[in-house]
């Protein structure tokens, strides 16, 4: 089976005069249709650089990247996937409904306006359709951002630290909300995160990155039943996975040193 997302020996080097900084080195990863894969790594390991490359905001120095069997740029032009970043990026002069509707307008799919209300209901923003971003909490803005990323019904969803700027309590609550949303509207998902608990709670597999230059050092399957509840966070299985990931992250850091 051809992976839905395939990275082969992807590298990225930034140049500043005579100084070359290698951020990614030979990174390879396959994601199958229907999977939720989380990537964890130390700060500076290249997670956001990788997401920028996937989102066509940057280009790799070397290696190959395919989405749905085609170059990432073509997949982006074909609107095959949606993206939500750490900063919600909502247009401040547009309402919640108008922000979520924007991708439909850009794609010339105005006939699908009913989908906007469906997503507003799905992400728990019913009653805030006319609100501006400044009138929303950080968590509500992120819900609107995720709804906007889902409005074209993409088969692939990219999440770059979507809850990283939120307080711990809000972040954990939105982790459970994201799980519910993706159970109701499934999409193959790749998320980069600093949160080990977040990765275990949400993912089918967790890929561990080394410090810079980033590469995948191990992939840990998360064999926990869904839907995952608060009780799962207290289970021995959850804590064993957490300990394994912490060990891998520190081992990767030691190897890099």
C-alpha atoms as a PDB file:
ATOM      1  CA  UNK A   1       0.000   0.000   0.000  1.00  0.00           C
ATOM      2  CA  UNK A   2       1.324   3.448  -0.945  1.00  0.00           C
ATOM      3  CA  UNK A   3       1.644   5.686   2.136  1.00  0.00           C
ATOM      4  CA  UNK A   4      -0.603   8.725   2.186  1.00  0.00           C
ATOM      5  CA  UNK A   5       2.371  10.841   3.280  1.00  0.00           C
ATOM      6  CA  UNK A   6       5.932   9.789   2.531  1.00  0.00           C
ATOM      7  CA  UNK A   7       9.192  11.508   3.479  1.00  0.00           C
ATOM      8  CA  UNK A   8      12.448  10.067   2.176  1.00  0.00           C
ATOM      9  CA  UNK A   9      15.803  11.348   3.501  1.00  0.00           C
ATOM     10  CA  UNK A  10      14.504  14.899   3.853  1.00  0.00           C
ATOM     11  CA  UNK A  11      17.191  17.404   4.817  1.00  0.00           C
ATOM     12  CA  UNK A  12      17.207  21.151   5.391  1.00  0.00           C
ATOM     13  CA  UNK A  13      20.215  23.447   5.755  1.00  0.00           C
ATOM     14  CA  UNK A  14      20.036  27.191   6.274  1.00  0.00           C
ATOM     15  CA  UNK A  15      22.896  29.377   5.071  1.00  0.00           C
ATOM     16  CA  UNK A  16      23.950  32.689   6.579  1.00  0.00           C
ATOM     17  CA  UNK A  17      26.991  33.841   4.680  1.00  0.00           C
ATOM     18  CA  UNK A  18      29.661  31.200   5.241  1.00  0.00           C
ATOM     19  CA  UNK A  19      27.725  29.661   8.121  1.00  0.00           C
ATOM     20  CA  UNK A  20      25.655  26.546   7.345  1.00  0.00           C
ATOM     21  CA  UNK A  21      23.154  25.265   9.917  1.00  0.00           C
ATOM     22  CA  UNK A  22      21.746  21.795   9.231  1.00  0.00           C
ATOM     23  CA  UNK A  23      18.280  21.587  10.819  1.00  0.00           C
ATOM     24  CA  UNK A  24      17.039  18.279   9.347  1.00  0.00           C
ATOM     25  CA  UNK A  25      19.199  15.371   8.236  1.00  0.00           C
ATOM     26  CA  UNK A  26      17.956  12.339   6.317  1.00  0.00           C
ATOM     27  CA  UNK A  27      14.513  12.318   7.915  1.00  0.00           C
ATOM     28  CA  UNK A  28      12.276   9.487   6.691  1.00  0.00           C
ATOM     29  CA  UNK A  29       8.689   8.765   7.714  1.00  0.00           C
ATOM     30  CA  UNK A  30       5.603   7.074   6.216  1.00  0.00           C
ATOM     31  CA  UNK A  31       2.037   7.747   7.340  1.00  0.00           C
ATOM     32  CA  UNK A  32      -0.767   5.446   6.233  1.00  0.00           C
ATOM     33  CA  UNK A  33      -4.324   6.553   5.537  1.00  0.00           C
ATOM     34  CA  UNK A  34      -6.358   6.874   8.737  1.00  0.00           C
ATOM     35  CA  UNK A  35      -3.391   7.131  11.107  1.00  0.00           C
ATOM     36  CA  UNK A  36      -2.787   9.818  13.719  1.00  0.00           C
ATOM     37  CA  UNK A  37       0.978  10.286  14.047  1.00  0.00           C
ATOM     38  CA  UNK A  38       2.522  12.658  16.577  1.00  0.00           C
ATOM     39  CA  UNK A  39       6.122  13.885  16.351  1.00  0.00           C
ATOM     40  CA  UNK A  40       7.906  14.828  19.572  1.00  0.00           C
ATOM     41  CA  UNK A  41      11.366  16.260  20.036  1.00  0.00           C
ATOM     42  CA  UNK A  42      13.465  18.710  21.981  1.00  0.00           C
ATOM     43  CA  UNK A  43      13.160  22.432  21.210  1.00  0.00           C
ATOM     44  CA  UNK A  44      15.251  23.207  18.147  1.00  0.00           C
ATOM     45  CA  UNK A  45      15.036  19.673  16.748  1.00  0.00           C
ATOM     46  CA  UNK A  46      13.435  20.903  13.521  1.00  0.00           C
ATOM     47  CA  UNK A  47       9.788  20.000  14.132  1.00  0.00           C
ATOM     48  CA  UNK A  48       8.429  23.345  12.953  1.00  0.00           C
ATOM     49  CA  UNK A  49      10.851  23.381  10.013  1.00  0.00           C
ATOM     50  CA  UNK A  50       9.468  20.014   8.979  1.00  0.00           C
ATOM     51  CA  UNK A  51       5.898  21.303   9.257  1.00  0.00           C
ATOM     52  CA  UNK A  52       6.796  24.376   7.195  1.00  0.00           C
ATOM     53  CA  UNK A  53       8.171  22.088   4.487  1.00  0.00           C
ATOM     54  CA  UNK A  54       5.025  19.955   4.571  1.00  0.00           C
ATOM     55  CA  UNK A  55       2.901  23.104   4.356  1.00  0.00           C
ATOM     56  CA  UNK A  56       4.961  24.408   1.393  1.00  0.00           C
ATOM     57  CA  UNK A  57       6.112  27.413   3.395  1.00  0.00           C
ATOM     58  CA  UNK A  58       9.714  26.251   2.939  1.00  0.00           C
ATOM     59  CA  UNK A  59      11.615  23.905   0.650  1.00  0.00           C
ATOM     60  CA  UNK A  60      13.875  20.994   1.651  1.00  0.00           C
ATOM     61  CA  UNK A  61      17.549  21.088   0.764  1.00  0.00           C
ATOM     62  CA  UNK A  62      17.472  17.405  -0.119  1.00  0.00           C
ATOM     63  CA  UNK A  63      15.299  14.313  -0.122  1.00  0.00           C
ATOM     64  CA  UNK A  64      11.817  13.564  -1.415  1.00  0.00           C
ATOM     65  CA  UNK A  65       8.360  14.371  -0.068  1.00  0.00           C
ATOM     66  CA  UNK A  66       5.094  13.070  -1.481  1.00  0.00           C
ATOM     67  CA  UNK A  67       1.486  13.561  -0.378  1.00  0.00           C
ATOM     68  CA  UNK A  68      -1.108  11.307  -2.022  1.00  0.00           C
ATOM     69  CA  UNK A  69       1.641  10.140  -4.383  1.00  0.00           C
ATOM     70  CA  UNK A  70       2.401  13.636  -5.701  1.00  0.00           C
ATOM     71  CA  UNK A  71       4.724  16.488  -4.721  1.00  0.00           C
ATOM     72  CA  UNK A  72       3.624  18.346  -1.603  1.00  0.00           C
ATOM     73  CA  UNK A  73       3.200  21.617  -3.522  1.00  0.00           C
ATOM     74  CA  UNK A  74       0.810  19.985  -5.964  1.00  0.00           C
ATOM     75  CA  UNK A  75      -1.135  18.376  -3.118  1.00  0.00           C
ATOM     76  CA  UNK A  76      -1.400  21.792  -1.477  1.00  0.00           C
ATOM     77  CA  UNK A  77      -2.633  23.380  -4.720  1.00  0.00           C
ATOM     78  CA  UNK A  78      -5.153  20.552  -5.024  1.00  0.00           C
ATOM     79  CA  UNK A  79      -6.345  21.340  -1.472  1.00  0.00           C
ATOM     80  CA  UNK A  80      -5.695  17.774  -0.360  1.00  0.00           C
ATOM     81  CA  UNK A  81      -4.830  18.781   3.193  1.00  0.00           C
ATOM     82  CA  UNK A  82      -5.583  21.342   5.881  1.00  0.00           C
ATOM     83  CA  UNK A  83      -3.202  22.997   8.344  1.00  0.00           C
ATOM     84  CA  UNK A  84      -3.618  24.503  11.817  1.00  0.00           C
ATOM     85  CA  UNK A  85      -0.686  26.264  13.479  1.00  0.00           C
ATOM     86  CA  UNK A  86       0.141  27.272  17.067  1.00  0.00           C
ATOM     87  CA  UNK A  87      -1.171  30.757  16.364  1.00  0.00           C
ATOM     88  CA  UNK A  88      -4.749  30.521  15.128  1.00  0.00           C
ATOM     89  CA  UNK A  89      -4.122  33.052  12.343  1.00  0.00           C
ATOM     90  CA  UNK A  90      -7.746  34.148  12.144  1.00  0.00           C
ATOM     91  CA  UNK A  91      -8.450  37.355  10.220  1.00  0.00           C
ATOM     92  CA  UNK A  92      -9.413  39.885  12.926  1.00  0.00           C
ATOM     93  CA  UNK A  93     -12.009  41.694  10.801  1.00  0.00           C
ATOM     94  CA  UNK A  94     -13.935  38.525   9.951  1.00  0.00           C
ATOM     95  CA  UNK A  95     -16.380  36.700  12.199  1.00  0.00           C
ATOM     96  CA  UNK A  96     -15.911  33.114  13.326  1.00  0.00           C
ATOM     97  CA  UNK A  97     -18.218  31.905  10.555  1.00  0.00           C
ATOM     98  CA  UNK A  98     -16.492  34.070   7.934  1.00  0.00           C
ATOM     99  CA  UNK A  99     -13.031  32.839   8.976  1.00  0.00           C
ATOM    100  CA  UNK A 100     -14.106  29.212   8.730  1.00  0.00           C
ATOM    101  CA  UNK A 101     -15.802  29.924   5.396  1.00  0.00           C
ATOM    102  CA  UNK A 102     -12.696  31.522   3.843  1.00  0.00           C
ATOM    103  CA  UNK A 103     -11.186  28.339   2.309  1.00  0.00           C
ATOM    104  CA  UNK A 104     -14.532  27.587   0.635  1.00  0.00           C
ATOM    105  CA  UNK A 105     -14.562  31.073  -0.871  1.00  0.00           C
ATOM    106  CA  UNK A 106     -10.981  30.759  -2.126  1.00  0.00           C
ATOM    107  CA  UNK A 107     -11.782  27.357  -3.638  1.00  0.00           C
ATOM    108  CA  UNK A 108     -14.918  28.666  -5.377  1.00  0.00           C
ATOM    109  CA  UNK A 109     -17.125  26.311  -3.357  1.00  0.00           C
ATOM    110  CA  UNK A 110     -19.670  28.790  -2.020  1.00  0.00           C
ATOM    111  CA  UNK A 111     -22.458  26.255  -2.533  1.00  0.00           C
ATOM    112  CA  UNK A 112     -21.151  24.350   0.526  1.00  0.00           C
ATOM    113  CA  UNK A 113     -21.950  27.115   3.034  1.00  0.00           C
ATOM    114  CA  UNK A 114     -23.987  24.714   5.190  1.00  0.00           C
ATOM    115  CA  UNK A 115     -20.729  22.970   6.060  1.00  0.00           C
ATOM    116  CA  UNK A 116     -19.608  26.019   8.031  1.00  0.00           C
ATOM    117  CA  UNK A 117     -22.415  25.689  10.566  1.00  0.00           C
ATOM    118  CA  UNK A 118     -21.828  21.945  10.821  1.00  0.00           C
ATOM    119  CA  UNK A 119     -18.215  22.591  11.824  1.00  0.00           C
ATOM    120  CA  UNK A 120     -19.115  25.409  14.197  1.00  0.00           C
ATOM    121  CA  UNK A 121     -21.408  22.950  15.976  1.00  0.00           C
ATOM    122  CA  UNK A 122     -18.782  20.197  15.821  1.00  0.00           C
ATOM    123  CA  UNK A 123     -16.047  22.271  17.493  1.00  0.00           C
ATOM    124  CA  UNK A 124     -18.386  23.670  20.137  1.00  0.00           C
ATOM    125  CA  UNK A 125     -18.657  27.281  18.951  1.00  0.00           C
ATOM    126  CA  UNK A 126     -22.425  27.374  18.478  1.00  0.00           C
ATOM    127  CA  UNK A 127     -23.645  30.862  19.412  1.00  0.00           C
ATOM    128  CA  UNK A 128     -20.329  32.497  18.512  1.00  0.00           C
ATOM    129  CA  UNK A 129     -20.837  32.544  14.737  1.00  0.00           C
ATOM    130  CA  UNK A 130     -20.766  36.367  14.575  1.00  0.00           C
ATOM    131  CA  UNK A 131     -18.013  36.902  17.145  1.00  0.00           C
ATOM    132  CA  UNK A 132     -14.675  38.402  16.098  1.00  0.00           C
ATOM    133  CA  UNK A 133     -11.400  36.685  17.118  1.00  0.00           C
ATOM    134  CA  UNK A 134     -10.677  39.386  19.715  1.00  0.00           C
ATOM    135  CA  UNK A 135     -13.889  38.399  21.505  1.00  0.00           C
ATOM    136  CA  UNK A 136     -12.802  34.756  21.865  1.00  0.00           C
ATOM    137  CA  UNK A 137     -10.551  32.975  24.339  1.00  0.00           C
ATOM    138  CA  UNK A 138      -7.345  31.377  23.062  1.00  0.00           C
ATOM    139  CA  UNK A 139      -8.934  27.931  23.143  1.00  0.00           C
ATOM    140  CA  UNK A 140     -11.944  29.130  21.171  1.00  0.00           C
ATOM    141  CA  UNK A 141      -9.694  30.683  18.538  1.00  0.00           C
ATOM    142  CA  UNK A 142      -7.888  27.365  18.152  1.00  0.00           C
ATOM    143  CA  UNK A 143     -11.222  25.556  17.756  1.00  0.00           C
ATOM    144  CA  UNK A 144     -12.110  27.977  14.960  1.00  0.00           C
ATOM    145  CA  UNK A 145      -8.691  27.420  13.369  1.00  0.00           C
ATOM    146  CA  UNK A 146      -9.184  23.637  13.391  1.00  0.00           C
ATOM    147  CA  UNK A 147     -12.676  24.046  11.944  1.00  0.00           C
ATOM    148  CA  UNK A 148     -11.227  26.184   9.157  1.00  0.00           C
ATOM    149  CA  UNK A 149      -8.593  23.500   8.442  1.00  0.00           C
ATOM    150  CA  UNK A 150     -11.380  20.885   8.179  1.00  0.00           C
ATOM    151  CA  UNK A 151     -13.893  22.874   6.112  1.00  0.00           C
ATOM    152  CA  UNK A 152     -12.698  21.483   2.754  1.00  0.00           C
ATOM    153  CA  UNK A 153     -12.959  17.952   4.184  1.00  0.00           C
ATOM    154  CA  UNK A 154      -9.262  17.180   3.700  1.00  0.00           C
ATOM    155  CA  UNK A 155      -8.008  13.615   3.887  1.00  0.00           C
ATOM    156  CA  UNK A 156      -4.888  14.884   5.680  1.00  0.00           C
ATOM    157  CA  UNK A 157      -4.702  17.307   8.614  1.00  0.00           C
ATOM    158  CA  UNK A 158      -1.400  18.900   9.695  1.00  0.00           C
ATOM    159  CA  UNK A 159      -1.252  20.305  13.237  1.00  0.00           C
ATOM    160  CA  UNK A 160       1.766  22.364  14.303  1.00  0.00           C
ATOM    161  CA  UNK A 161       1.630  22.711  18.115  1.00  0.00           C
ATOM    162  CA  UNK A 162      -2.060  23.688  17.867  1.00  0.00           C
ATOM    163  CA  UNK A 163      -2.443  24.061  21.642  1.00  0.00           C
ATOM    164  CA  UNK A 164       1.127  25.020  22.519  1.00  0.00           C
ATOM    165  CA  UNK A 165       0.297  28.618  23.497  1.00  0.00           C
ATOM    166  CA  UNK A 166      -2.522  27.636  25.887  1.00  0.00           C
ATOM    167  CA  UNK A 167      -2.467  26.984  29.620  1.00  0.00           C
ATOM    168  CA  UNK A 168      -2.203  23.343  30.706  1.00  0.00           C
ATOM    169  CA  UNK A 169      -5.834  22.959  31.783  1.00  0.00           C
ATOM    170  CA  UNK A 170      -7.228  24.394  28.541  1.00  0.00           C
ATOM    171  CA  UNK A 171      -4.748  22.384  26.513  1.00  0.00           C
ATOM    172  CA  UNK A 172      -5.771  19.089  28.109  1.00  0.00           C
ATOM    173  CA  UNK A 173      -9.461  19.854  27.661  1.00  0.00           C
ATOM    174  CA  UNK A 174      -8.880  20.628  23.973  1.00  0.00           C
ATOM    175  CA  UNK A 175      -6.917  17.401  23.553  1.00  0.00           C
ATOM    176  CA  UNK A 176     -10.097  15.506  24.430  1.00  0.00           C
ATOM    177  CA  UNK A 177     -12.114  17.825  22.180  1.00  0.00           C
ATOM    178  CA  UNK A 178      -9.751  17.178  19.258  1.00  0.00           C
ATOM    179  CA  UNK A 179     -10.100  13.432  19.802  1.00  0.00           C
ATOM    180  CA  UNK A 180     -13.891  13.794  19.699  1.00  0.00           C
ATOM    181  CA  UNK A 181     -13.778  15.959  16.558  1.00  0.00           C
ATOM    182  CA  UNK A 182     -11.574  13.494  14.682  1.00  0.00           C
ATOM    183  CA  UNK A 183     -13.716  10.546  15.744  1.00  0.00           C
ATOM    184  CA  UNK A 184     -16.732  12.355  14.258  1.00  0.00           C
ATOM    185  CA  UNK A 185     -14.880  13.604  11.170  1.00  0.00           C
ATOM    186  CA  UNK A 186     -11.915  11.277  10.580  1.00  0.00           C
ATOM    187  CA  UNK A 187      -8.801  12.572   8.851  1.00  0.00           C
ATOM    188  CA  UNK A 188      -5.273  11.220   8.642  1.00  0.00           C
ATOM    189  CA  UNK A 189      -3.402  13.495  11.037  1.00  0.00           C
ATOM    190  CA  UNK A 190       0.216  14.506  11.607  1.00  0.00           C
ATOM    191  CA  UNK A 191       0.840  16.636  14.696  1.00  0.00           C
ATOM    192  CA  UNK A 192       4.096  18.048  16.047  1.00  0.00           C
ATOM    193  CA  UNK A 193       4.101  18.741  19.770  1.00  0.00           C
ATOM    194  CA  UNK A 194       6.324  19.276  22.801  1.00  0.00           C
ATOM    195  CA  UNK A 195       3.741  17.483  24.941  1.00  0.00           C
ATOM    196  CA  UNK A 196       4.483  13.829  25.596  1.00  0.00           C
ATOM    197  CA  UNK A 197       1.142  13.261  27.342  1.00  0.00           C
ATOM    198  CA  UNK A 198      -0.646  15.004  24.477  1.00  0.00           C
ATOM    199  CA  UNK A 199       1.085  12.774  21.935  1.00  0.00           C
ATOM    200  CA  UNK A 200       0.200   9.561  23.800  1.00  0.00           C
ATOM    201  CA  UNK A 201      -3.404  10.615  24.367  1.00  0.00           C
ATOM    202  CA  UNK A 202      -4.063  11.443  20.707  1.00  0.00           C
ATOM    203  CA  UNK A 203      -1.774   9.382  18.507  1.00  0.00           C
ATOM    204  CA  UNK A 204      -1.687   5.895  17.048  1.00  0.00           C
ATOM    205  CA  UNK A 205       2.097   6.233  16.725  1.00  0.00           C
ATOM    206  CA  UNK A 206       4.612   8.672  18.190  1.00  0.00           C
ATOM    207  CA  UNK A 207       7.747   9.449  16.190  1.00  0.00           C
ATOM    208  CA  UNK A 208      10.703  10.672  18.264  1.00  0.00           C
ATOM    209  CA  UNK A 209      13.088  13.200  16.730  1.00  0.00           C
ATOM    210  CA  UNK A 210      16.727  13.673  17.648  1.00  0.00           C
ATOM    211  CA  UNK A 211      18.142  17.088  18.511  1.00  0.00           C
ATOM    212  CA  UNK A 212      19.393  19.194  15.607  1.00  0.00           C
ATOM    213  CA  UNK A 213      19.951  18.045  12.960  1.00  0.00           C
ATOM    214  CA  UNK A 214      16.581  16.363  13.360  1.00  0.00           C
ATOM    215  CA  UNK A 215      15.900  12.822  12.238  1.00  0.00           C
ATOM    216  CA  UNK A 216      13.473  10.112  13.361  1.00  0.00           C
ATOM    217  CA  UNK A 217      15.204   7.900  15.923  1.00  0.00           C
ATOM    218  CA  UNK A 218      12.265   5.650  16.837  1.00  0.00           C
ATOM    219  CA  UNK A 219       8.526   5.191  16.330  1.00  0.00           C
ATOM    220  CA  UNK A 220       6.455   4.025  19.303  1.00  0.00           C
ATOM    221  CA  UNK A 221       3.030   2.434  18.709  1.00  0.00           C
ATOM    222  CA  UNK A 222       0.310   3.573  21.115  1.00  0.00           C
ATOM    223  CA  UNK A 223      -1.874   0.539  21.771  1.00  0.00           C
ATOM    224  CA  UNK A 224      -4.509   2.176  23.951  1.00  0.00           C
ATOM    225  CA  UNK A 225      -8.238   1.752  23.302  1.00  0.00           C
ATOM    226  CA  UNK A 226     -10.328   4.622  21.933  1.00  0.00           C
ATOM    227  CA  UNK A 227     -11.960   6.807  22.924  1.00  0.00           C
ATOM    228  CA  UNK A 228      -9.266   7.635  25.476  1.00  0.00           C
ATOM    229  CA  UNK A 229     -10.619   9.028  28.711  1.00  0.00           C
ATOM    230  CA  UNK A 230      -9.189  10.760  31.775  1.00  0.00           C
ATOM    231  CA  UNK A 231      -8.882   7.313  33.370  1.00  0.00           C
ATOM    232  CA  UNK A 232      -6.419   6.326  30.632  1.00  0.00           C
ATOM    233  CA  UNK A 233      -4.071   9.087  31.844  1.00  0.00           C
ATOM    234  CA  UNK A 234      -3.858   7.290  35.209  1.00  0.00           C
ATOM    235  CA  UNK A 235      -3.276   3.807  33.810  1.00  0.00           C
ATOM    236  CA  UNK A 236       0.015   1.876  34.159  1.00  0.00           C
ATOM    237  CA  UNK A 237       0.071   1.426  30.377  1.00  0.00           C
ATOM    238  CA  UNK A 238      -0.048   5.195  29.820  1.00  0.00           C
ATOM    239  CA  UNK A 239       2.759   5.824  32.309  1.00  0.00           C
ATOM    240  CA  UNK A 240       4.883   3.057  30.776  1.00  0.00           C
ATOM    241  CA  UNK A 241       4.558   4.716  27.369  1.00  0.00           C
ATOM    242  CA  UNK A 242       5.408   8.082  28.886  1.00  0.00           C
ATOM    243  CA  UNK A 243       8.540   6.662  30.528  1.00  0.00           C
ATOM    244  CA  UNK A 244       9.615   5.055  27.253  1.00  0.00           C
ATOM    245  CA  UNK A 245       9.244   8.292  25.299  1.00  0.00           C
ATOM    246  CA  UNK A 246      11.106  10.311  27.931  1.00  0.00           C
ATOM    247  CA  UNK A 247      13.948   7.776  27.804  1.00  0.00           C
ATOM    248  CA  UNK A 248      14.077   7.930  24.005  1.00  0.00           C
ATOM    249  CA  UNK A 249      14.195  11.726  24.048  1.00  0.00           C
ATOM    250  CA  UNK A 250      17.028  11.811  26.570  1.00  0.00           C
ATOM    251  CA  UNK A 251      18.897   8.988  24.797  1.00  0.00           C
ATOM    252  CA  UNK A 252      18.603  10.903  21.522  1.00  0.00           C
ATOM    253  CA  UNK A 253      19.942  14.026  23.216  1.00  0.00           C
ATOM    254  CA  UNK A 254      22.847  12.083  24.715  1.00  0.00           C
ATOM    255  CA  UNK A 255      23.663  10.486  21.331  1.00  0.00           C
ATOM    256  CA  UNK A 256      23.650  13.906  19.695  1.00  0.00           C
ATOM    257  CA  UNK A 257      25.981  15.258  22.365  1.00  0.00           C
END
